Amino acid sequence: MRARYVVDTNVLIAASAADPQHPKDIDATPTDPALREQVWCWLDQFQQSSAHLVLDDAGKIFDEYQNKLGFYDFGPQVVQRKWDMCAVDLVQVNYDADGHGILPSTLALVHDPADRKMVAAALAAHVLYGEGCVAFAGDTDWHDWEGALHEQHVLLEPIIEAWSRQKHAEKKQRQSRPLS
């Protein structure tokens, strides 16, 4: 486990859906219970580790977590535990007029507004701490941006890597098919 992570919301959602004590009946990707359990195990290990959670100082990442899940769901409880353990690193993220994280032009390919703030937080963590890593589970778009992110020193940790790479390859294959 790395020293700090920006945790994509899909990790909290999938882990909350797989929580063995209080599973949340929500639409989560992946749908396979075994894969969700892998995500839950990673988040549980993260919770128990000394690794820090990276959040933006404007609170927009935290707001996204709260908009997707309830306070007592597993994912938000992990976030709360990190706060309780003083294991949250707040970083400055600049936002545009629409409230989207501002990225350097070399990362314009990051098209998802929600992910832009995650990337901006990872960039800021790299500047402050020498490491910026985004942990993700059910969102395969991260693989589209992997090369450009790596060039900017943003690391990715695909929690269910075999699944996400397979789904990404399937998506690319569908996109490359000619329209009939």
Protein backbone atom coordinates (compact mmCIF):
# COMPACT_ATOMS: atom_id res chain seq x y z
CA MET A 1 0.00 0.00 0.00
CA ARG A 2 1.23 3.45 -0.89
CA ALA A 3 1.59 6.32 1.58
CA ARG A 4 -1.46 8.24 0.29
CA TYR A 5 -4.32 7.91 -2.17
CA VAL A 6 -6.98 9.90 -3.86
CA VAL A 7 -9.80 7.34 -3.74
CA ASP A 8 -12.24 7.45 -6.63
CA THR A 9 -15.87 7.38 -5.53
CA ASN A 10 -16.50 4.11 -7.37
CA VAL A 11 -14.26 2.38 -4.80
CA LEU A 12 -16.44 3.59 -1.92
CA ILE A 13 -19.61 2.60 -3.77
CA ALA A 14 -18.46 -0.92 -4.70
CA ALA A 15 -17.04 -1.55 -1.23
CA SER A 16 -20.25 -0.33 0.41
CA ALA A 17 -22.26 -2.69 -1.79
CA ALA A 18 -20.05 -5.59 -0.63
CA ASP A 19 -19.89 -4.72 3.07
CA PRO A 20 -20.32 -8.08 4.84
CA GLN A 21 -21.99 -6.52 7.89
CA HIS A 22 -24.26 -3.94 6.24
CA PRO A 23 -24.33 -4.38 2.46
CA LYS A 24 -25.78 -1.39 0.64
CA ASP A 25 -28.32 -2.23 -2.06
CA ILE A 26 -27.07 0.19 -4.68
CA ASP A 27 -26.14 0.22 -8.32
CA ALA A 28 -22.41 -0.47 -8.21
CA THR A 29 -19.82 -1.50 -10.76
CA PRO A 30 -18.76 -4.23 -10.95
CA THR A 31 -21.90 -6.27 -10.33
CA ASP A 32 -20.00 -9.49 -9.56
CA PRO A 33 -20.08 -10.02 -5.76
CA ALA A 34 -16.59 -11.57 -5.76
CA LEU A 35 -15.11 -8.49 -7.44
CA ARG A 36 -16.97 -6.20 -5.08
CA GLU A 37 -15.52 -8.17 -2.20
CA GLN A 38 -12.00 -7.57 -3.58
CA VAL A 39 -12.74 -3.84 -3.59
CA TRP A 40 -14.11 -4.09 -0.05
CA CYS A 41 -10.95 -5.92 1.08
CA TRP A 42 -8.71 -3.23 -0.45
CA LEU A 43 -10.68 -0.45 1.23
CA ASP A 44 -10.68 -2.31 4.53
CA GLN A 45 -6.88 -2.70 4.29
CA PHE A 46 -6.60 0.99 3.43
CA GLN A 47 -8.73 1.85 6.46
CA GLN A 48 -6.47 -0.15 8.77
CA SER A 49 -3.23 1.10 7.23
CA SER A 50 -1.24 4.23 7.94
CA ALA A 51 -1.89 5.41 4.36
CA HIS A 52 -3.45 8.84 4.06
CA LEU A 53 -6.55 9.84 2.14
CA VAL A 54 -6.02 12.86 -0.13
CA LEU A 55 -8.93 15.28 -0.42
CA ASP A 56 -9.24 18.75 -1.90
CA ASP A 57 -9.42 21.63 0.56
CA ALA A 58 -12.60 22.94 -1.08
CA GLY A 59 -14.41 19.75 -0.05
CA LYS A 60 -15.70 18.83 -3.50
CA ILE A 61 -14.34 15.24 -3.40
CA PHE A 62 -15.85 14.75 0.05
CA ASP A 63 -19.14 16.23 -1.21
CA GLU A 64 -19.18 13.73 -4.07
CA TYR A 65 -18.71 10.88 -1.59
CA GLN A 66 -21.61 12.19 0.48
CA ASN A 67 -23.85 12.64 -2.57
CA LYS A 68 -23.40 9.02 -3.60
CA LEU A 69 -23.58 7.26 -0.22
CA GLY A 70 -25.05 7.60 3.23
CA PHE A 71 -22.99 8.41 6.31
CA TYR A 72 -23.30 4.88 7.74
CA ASP A 73 -22.27 3.08 4.55
CA PHE A 74 -18.88 1.39 4.65
CA GLY A 75 -17.11 3.76 2.25
CA PRO A 76 -17.95 6.97 4.12
CA GLN A 77 -17.10 5.25 7.41
CA VAL A 78 -13.60 4.59 6.07
CA VAL A 79 -13.31 8.28 5.19
CA GLN A 80 -14.49 9.20 8.70
CA ARG A 81 -11.94 6.83 10.24
CA LYS A 82 -9.16 8.48 8.23
CA TRP A 83 -10.32 11.87 9.57
CA ASP A 84 -10.41 10.46 13.12
CA MET A 85 -6.86 9.11 12.74
CA CYS A 86 -5.55 12.44 11.35
CA ALA A 87 -4.77 10.55 8.13
CA VAL A 88 -6.32 13.00 5.65
CA ASP A 89 -4.13 15.26 3.56
CA LEU A 90 -5.92 18.32 2.22
CA VAL A 91 -4.54 19.72 -1.01
CA GLN A 92 -5.41 22.82 -2.97
CA VAL A 93 -7.35 22.20 -6.16
CA ASN A 94 -8.34 25.08 -8.42
CA TYR A 95 -11.80 24.94 -9.96
CA ASP A 96 -13.26 26.58 -13.05
CA ALA A 97 -16.54 28.52 -13.14
CA ASP A 98 -18.45 25.23 -13.58
CA GLY A 99 -16.85 23.72 -10.48
CA HIS A 100 -14.59 21.31 -12.39
CA GLY A 101 -10.99 20.71 -11.38
CA ILE A 102 -8.52 22.66 -13.50
CA LEU A 103 -5.83 20.53 -15.12
CA PRO A 104 -2.80 21.37 -17.25
CA SER A 105 -3.47 21.34 -21.01
CA THR A 106 -1.48 18.10 -21.28
CA LEU A 107 -4.33 16.41 -19.40
CA ALA A 108 -7.21 17.84 -21.45
CA LEU A 109 -8.08 14.26 -22.44
CA VAL A 110 -9.50 13.71 -18.92
CA HIS A 111 -13.05 14.40 -20.05
CA ASP A 112 -15.04 13.34 -16.99
CA PRO A 113 -15.63 16.42 -14.80
CA ALA A 114 -15.85 14.31 -11.63
CA ASP A 115 -12.50 12.68 -12.39
CA ARG A 116 -10.82 16.01 -13.16
CA LYS A 117 -10.90 17.00 -9.48
CA MET A 118 -9.45 13.59 -8.52
CA VAL A 119 -6.58 14.09 -10.98
CA ALA A 120 -6.01 17.66 -9.78
CA ALA A 121 -5.81 16.40 -6.19
CA ALA A 122 -3.31 13.71 -7.19
CA LEU A 123 -1.19 16.31 -9.01
CA ALA A 124 -1.22 18.51 -5.92
CA ALA A 125 -0.30 15.54 -3.71
CA HIS A 126 2.64 14.80 -5.97
CA VAL A 127 3.89 18.38 -5.62
CA LEU A 128 3.48 18.39 -1.83
CA TYR A 129 4.45 14.82 -0.93
CA GLY A 130 6.30 13.44 -3.95
CA GLU A 131 3.51 11.00 -4.75
CA GLY A 132 0.04 11.28 -6.22
CA CYS A 133 -1.94 8.09 -6.73
CA VAL A 134 -5.57 7.51 -7.68
CA ALA A 135 -7.13 4.23 -6.56
CA PHE A 136 -10.11 3.16 -8.66
CA ALA A 137 -12.31 0.15 -9.25
CA GLY A 138 -15.27 0.24 -11.64
CA ASP A 139 -14.38 3.13 -13.96
CA THR A 140 -12.33 2.03 -16.96
CA ASP A 141 -11.78 5.57 -18.30
CA TRP A 142 -8.68 5.76 -16.10
CA HIS A 143 -6.94 3.35 -18.49
CA ASP A 144 -7.60 5.79 -21.38
CA TRP A 145 -5.60 8.45 -19.56
CA GLU A 146 -2.93 6.22 -18.02
CA GLY A 147 -0.03 7.29 -20.25
CA ALA A 148 -0.72 11.02 -19.98
CA LEU A 149 -1.24 10.76 -16.22
CA HIS A 150 2.02 8.85 -15.80
CA GLU A 151 3.86 11.57 -17.72
CA GLN A 152 2.52 14.06 -15.14
CA HIS A 153 3.60 11.79 -12.23
CA VAL A 154 0.07 10.66 -11.38
CA LEU A 155 0.06 6.99 -10.48
CA LEU A 156 -2.95 4.73 -10.85
CA GLU A 157 -3.90 1.80 -8.67
CA PRO A 158 -6.59 -0.27 -10.37
CA ILE A 159 -7.92 -2.32 -7.48
CA ILE A 160 -9.47 -4.99 -9.72
CA GLU A 161 -6.95 -4.59 -12.50
CA ALA A 162 -7.64 -7.73 -14.56
CA TRP A 163 -11.36 -6.90 -14.66
CA SER A 164 -10.89 -3.21 -15.43
CA ARG A 165 -8.36 -3.87 -18.19
CA GLN A 166 -10.65 -6.48 -19.76
CA LYS A 167 -13.64 -4.12 -19.63
CA HIS A 168 -11.50 -1.33 -21.05
CA ALA A 169 -10.36 -3.54 -23.95
CA GLU A 170 -13.98 -4.52 -24.64
CA LYS A 171 -15.00 -0.85 -24.66
CA LYS A 172 -12.19 0.02 -27.07
CA GLN A 173 -13.18 -2.84 -29.35
CA ARG A 174 -16.81 -1.62 -29.43
CA GLN A 175 -15.65 1.92 -30.19
CA SER A 176 -13.46 0.78 -33.05
CA ARG A 177 -16.25 -1.08 -34.85
CA PRO A 178 -17.49 0.71 -37.97
CA LEU A 179 -21.07 1.97 -37.86
CA SER A 180 -23.35 -0.08 -40.08
